[in-house]
Amino acid sequence: MSTYMPKAGEIERKWYVLDAAGKPLGRVAAQAAVLLRGKHKTTFAPHVDCGDNVIIINCKDAVLTGHKLHKKYYYRFTGYIGHLKSVRYDTLMEEKPCKAMELAVKGMIPDNTIGRTAITRLRLFEGAEHKHAAQKPQAWEL
């Protein structure tokens, strides 16, 4: 019996909704990364982009465990000498909770062309409402 190799045109992409309310940010991000890569499918192959579309709702209600809210920082470099900007996660979660979730998911997918196309299938929303009801997404339980 030969090994099944998925083709790029044969991939069937589904839509899933993850609810982040009251759940740890990293756990939700890890599950989203698995769905975006397609690792939950029996037809997974690491060299083919066979992931699904993921919608994460209630990003503002995700929690950070321990002292991460006050001790963890998000750093970005502007490109100028001495311009390393830092934002503490309690400020980031207040102002841009979707950015915090996006950074967590982006860090869990590979940094190559498959990962870059996978992150485009991620949709993030602060509240419980999303605009992708026409795609009939299924709820995914963590």
C-alpha atoms as a PDB file:
ATOM      1  CA  MET A   1       0.000   0.000   0.000  1.00  0.00           C
ATOM      2  CA  SER A   2       1.424   3.392  -0.950  1.00  0.00           C
ATOM      3  CA  THR A   3       1.540   6.486   1.228  1.00  0.00           C
ATOM      4  CA  TYR A   4      -1.082   9.130   0.472  1.00  0.00           C
ATOM      5  CA  MET A   5       0.394  12.459  -0.626  1.00  0.00           C
ATOM      6  CA  PRO A   6      -2.037  15.400  -0.600  1.00  0.00           C
ATOM      7  CA  LYS A   7      -2.022  17.768  -3.584  1.00  0.00           C
ATOM      8  CA  ALA A   8      -2.494  21.502  -3.226  1.00  0.00           C
ATOM      9  CA  GLY A   9      -5.663  21.491  -5.356  1.00  0.00           C
ATOM     10  CA  GLU A  10      -7.296  18.635  -3.437  1.00  0.00           C
ATOM     11  CA  ILE A  11      -7.212  20.313  -0.010  1.00  0.00           C
ATOM     12  CA  GLU A  12     -10.650  20.799   1.538  1.00  0.00           C
ATOM     13  CA  ARG A  13     -10.594  23.784   3.894  1.00  0.00           C
ATOM     14  CA  LYS A  14     -13.150  24.089   6.699  1.00  0.00           C
ATOM     15  CA  TRP A  15     -13.887  27.016   8.986  1.00  0.00           C
ATOM     16  CA  TYR A  16     -13.553  26.748  12.767  1.00  0.00           C
ATOM     17  CA  VAL A  17     -14.411  29.161  15.586  1.00  0.00           C
ATOM     18  CA  LEU A  18     -12.357  29.236  18.789  1.00  0.00           C
ATOM     19  CA  ASP A  19     -13.711  31.082  21.822  1.00  0.00           C
ATOM     20  CA  ALA A  20     -10.911  32.591  23.923  1.00  0.00           C
ATOM     21  CA  ALA A  21     -13.121  33.864  26.763  1.00  0.00           C
ATOM     22  CA  GLY A  22     -11.632  32.872  30.112  1.00  0.00           C
ATOM     23  CA  LYS A  23      -9.020  30.580  28.536  1.00  0.00           C
ATOM     24  CA  PRO A  24      -5.229  31.034  28.622  1.00  0.00           C
ATOM     25  CA  LEU A  25      -3.931  32.957  25.617  1.00  0.00           C
ATOM     26  CA  GLY A  26      -1.219  30.400  24.862  1.00  0.00           C
ATOM     27  CA  ARG A  27      -3.588  27.426  24.890  1.00  0.00           C
ATOM     28  CA  VAL A  28      -5.933  29.089  22.405  1.00  0.00           C
ATOM     29  CA  ALA A  29      -2.996  30.150  20.226  1.00  0.00           C
ATOM     30  CA  ALA A  30      -1.539  26.628  20.232  1.00  0.00           C
ATOM     31  CA  GLN A  31      -4.844  25.105  19.137  1.00  0.00           C
ATOM     32  CA  ALA A  32      -5.236  27.759  16.431  1.00  0.00           C
ATOM     33  CA  ALA A  33      -1.724  26.980  15.154  1.00  0.00           C
ATOM     34  CA  VAL A  34      -2.573  23.267  14.911  1.00  0.00           C
ATOM     35  CA  LEU A  35      -5.738  24.038  12.933  1.00  0.00           C
ATOM     36  CA  LEU A  36      -3.955  26.515  10.645  1.00  0.00           C
ATOM     37  CA  ARG A  37      -1.253  23.963   9.819  1.00  0.00           C
ATOM     38  CA  GLY A  38      -3.735  21.092   9.363  1.00  0.00           C
ATOM     39  CA  LYS A  39      -2.012  18.827  11.865  1.00  0.00           C
ATOM     40  CA  HIS A  40      -5.375  17.593  13.152  1.00  0.00           C
ATOM     41  CA  LYS A  41      -6.122  15.934   9.784  1.00  0.00           C
ATOM     42  CA  THR A  42      -5.230  12.377   8.882  1.00  0.00           C
ATOM     43  CA  THR A  43      -4.009  13.611   5.484  1.00  0.00           C
ATOM     44  CA  PHE A  44      -1.403  15.977   6.978  1.00  0.00           C
ATOM     45  CA  ALA A  45       1.899  16.353   5.163  1.00  0.00           C
ATOM     46  CA  PRO A  46       4.541  18.838   6.333  1.00  0.00           C
ATOM     47  CA  HIS A  47       5.422  19.982   2.806  1.00  0.00           C
ATOM     48  CA  VAL A  48       1.807  20.851   1.794  1.00  0.00           C
ATOM     49  CA  ASP A  49      -0.343  23.657   3.177  1.00  0.00           C
ATOM     50  CA  CYS A  50      -3.394  21.630   4.213  1.00  0.00           C
ATOM     51  CA  GLY A  51      -4.710  23.778   7.086  1.00  0.00           C
ATOM     52  CA  ASP A  52      -8.130  25.245   7.742  1.00  0.00           C
ATOM     53  CA  ASN A  53      -9.511  28.734   8.356  1.00  0.00           C
ATOM     54  CA  VAL A  54      -9.674  29.797  12.013  1.00  0.00           C
ATOM     55  CA  ILE A  55     -11.776  32.516  13.643  1.00  0.00           C
ATOM     56  CA  ILE A  56     -10.873  33.495  17.216  1.00  0.00           C
ATOM     57  CA  ILE A  57     -13.537  35.450  19.088  1.00  0.00           C
ATOM     58  CA  ASN A  58     -13.386  37.173  22.495  1.00  0.00           C
ATOM     59  CA  CYS A  59      -9.662  37.961  22.272  1.00  0.00           C
ATOM     60  CA  LYS A  60     -10.088  40.660  24.908  1.00  0.00           C
ATOM     61  CA  ASP A  61     -11.295  38.057  27.427  1.00  0.00           C
ATOM     62  CA  ALA A  62      -8.253  35.765  27.077  1.00  0.00           C
ATOM     63  CA  VAL A  63      -6.199  35.493  30.253  1.00  0.00           C
ATOM     64  CA  LEU A  64      -2.472  35.335  30.940  1.00  0.00           C
ATOM     65  CA  THR A  65      -1.557  33.022  33.820  1.00  0.00           C
ATOM     66  CA  GLY A  66       0.927  33.741  36.566  1.00  0.00           C
ATOM     67  CA  HIS A  67       2.678  37.102  36.572  1.00  0.00           C
ATOM     68  CA  LYS A  68       2.949  37.320  32.781  1.00  0.00           C
ATOM     69  CA  LEU A  69       0.506  40.211  32.600  1.00  0.00           C
ATOM     70  CA  HIS A  70       2.930  42.479  34.483  1.00  0.00           C
ATOM     71  CA  LYS A  71       6.318  40.919  33.707  1.00  0.00           C
ATOM     72  CA  LYS A  72       6.042  39.984  30.013  1.00  0.00           C
ATOM     73  CA  TYR A  73       6.953  42.563  27.366  1.00  0.00           C
ATOM     74  CA  TYR A  74       6.390  42.873  23.629  1.00  0.00           C
ATOM     75  CA  TYR A  75       9.460  44.341  21.904  1.00  0.00           C
ATOM     76  CA  ARG A  76       9.684  45.849  18.446  1.00  0.00           C
ATOM     77  CA  PHE A  77      12.539  47.607  16.699  1.00  0.00           C
ATOM     78  CA  THR A  78      11.859  50.681  14.569  1.00  0.00           C
ATOM     79  CA  GLY A  79      15.055  50.408  12.549  1.00  0.00           C
ATOM     80  CA  TYR A  80      16.739  53.419  14.129  1.00  0.00           C
ATOM     81  CA  ILE A  81      19.636  53.206  16.572  1.00  0.00           C
ATOM     82  CA  GLY A  82      18.368  53.073  20.157  1.00  0.00           C
ATOM     83  CA  HIS A  83      14.712  52.824  19.171  1.00  0.00           C
ATOM     84  CA  LEU A  84      13.738  49.512  20.736  1.00  0.00           C
ATOM     85  CA  LYS A  85      10.116  49.979  21.799  1.00  0.00           C
ATOM     86  CA  SER A  86       8.627  47.872  24.571  1.00  0.00           C
ATOM     87  CA  VAL A  87       5.020  47.459  25.694  1.00  0.00           C
ATOM     88  CA  ARG A  88       3.971  45.542  28.779  1.00  0.00           C
ATOM     89  CA  TYR A  89       1.311  42.891  28.192  1.00  0.00           C
ATOM     90  CA  ASP A  90      -1.271  44.458  30.509  1.00  0.00           C
ATOM     91  CA  THR A  91      -1.187  47.565  28.290  1.00  0.00           C
ATOM     92  CA  LEU A  92      -1.172  45.466  25.114  1.00  0.00           C
ATOM     93  CA  MET A  93      -4.171  43.407  26.261  1.00  0.00           C
ATOM     94  CA  GLU A  94      -6.118  46.596  27.050  1.00  0.00           C
ATOM     95  CA  GLU A  95      -5.328  48.434  23.824  1.00  0.00           C
ATOM     96  CA  LYS A  96      -4.796  45.686  21.197  1.00  0.00           C
ATOM     97  CA  PRO A  97      -5.866  42.243  22.446  1.00  0.00           C
ATOM     98  CA  CYS A  98      -6.022  40.917  18.867  1.00  0.00           C
ATOM     99  CA  LYS A  99      -2.364  41.877  18.351  1.00  0.00           C
ATOM    100  CA  ALA A 100      -1.344  39.860  21.414  1.00  0.00           C
ATOM    101  CA  MET A 101      -3.210  36.804  20.105  1.00  0.00           C
ATOM    102  CA  GLU A 102      -1.761  37.250  16.614  1.00  0.00           C
ATOM    103  CA  LEU A 103       1.794  37.409  17.992  1.00  0.00           C
ATOM    104  CA  ALA A 104       1.211  34.225  19.989  1.00  0.00           C
ATOM    105  CA  VAL A 105      -0.173  32.293  16.990  1.00  0.00           C
ATOM    106  CA  LYS A 106       2.479  33.657  14.635  1.00  0.00           C
ATOM    107  CA  GLY A 107       5.224  32.421  16.944  1.00  0.00           C
ATOM    108  CA  MET A 108       3.824  28.887  16.817  1.00  0.00           C
ATOM    109  CA  ILE A 109       3.739  28.412  13.053  1.00  0.00           C
ATOM    110  CA  PRO A 110       6.840  27.885  10.902  1.00  0.00           C
ATOM    111  CA  ASP A 111       8.684  30.868   9.457  1.00  0.00           C
ATOM    112  CA  ASN A 112       8.495  29.833   5.802  1.00  0.00           C
ATOM    113  CA  THR A 113       6.091  30.198   2.866  1.00  0.00           C
ATOM    114  CA  ILE A 114       3.674  27.638   4.302  1.00  0.00           C
ATOM    115  CA  GLY A 115       3.526  29.533   7.598  1.00  0.00           C
ATOM    116  CA  ARG A 116       3.095  32.892   5.902  1.00  0.00           C
ATOM    117  CA  THR A 117       0.108  31.659   3.896  1.00  0.00           C
ATOM    118  CA  ALA A 118      -1.312  29.889   6.957  1.00  0.00           C
ATOM    119  CA  ILE A 119      -1.375  33.091   9.026  1.00  0.00           C
ATOM    120  CA  THR A 120      -3.520  34.778   6.353  1.00  0.00           C
ATOM    121  CA  ARG A 121      -6.309  32.311   7.186  1.00  0.00           C
ATOM    122  CA  LEU A 122      -6.483  33.556  10.796  1.00  0.00           C
ATOM    123  CA  ARG A 123      -9.274  35.991  11.677  1.00  0.00           C
ATOM    124  CA  LEU A 124      -9.309  37.720  15.076  1.00  0.00           C
ATOM    125  CA  PHE A 125     -12.160  39.559  16.795  1.00  0.00           C
ATOM    126  CA  GLU A 126     -12.225  41.332  20.170  1.00  0.00           C
ATOM    127  CA  GLY A 127     -15.862  40.565  20.928  1.00  0.00           C
ATOM    128  CA  ALA A 128     -18.236  37.647  20.445  1.00  0.00           C
ATOM    129  CA  GLU A 129     -19.482  38.844  17.039  1.00  0.00           C
ATOM    130  CA  HIS A 130     -17.750  37.958  13.781  1.00  0.00           C
ATOM    131  CA  LYS A 131     -18.589  38.652  10.140  1.00  0.00           C
ATOM    132  CA  HIS A 132     -17.952  35.159   8.739  1.00  0.00           C
ATOM    133  CA  ALA A 133     -21.344  33.569   9.396  1.00  0.00           C
ATOM    134  CA  ALA A 134     -21.835  32.921   5.668  1.00  0.00           C
ATOM    135  CA  GLN A 135     -18.976  30.387   5.739  1.00  0.00           C
ATOM    136  CA  LYS A 136     -20.868  28.321   8.371  1.00  0.00           C
ATOM    137  CA  PRO A 137     -17.946  27.878  10.798  1.00  0.00           C
ATOM    138  CA  GLN A 138     -17.982  25.002  13.273  1.00  0.00           C
ATOM    139  CA  ALA A 139     -17.234  25.544  16.956  1.00  0.00           C
ATOM    140  CA  TRP A 140     -13.993  23.877  18.067  1.00  0.00           C
ATOM    141  CA  GLU A 141     -13.729  22.906  21.727  1.00  0.00           C
ATOM    142  CA  LEU A 142     -10.356  23.108  23.443  1.00  0.00           C
END
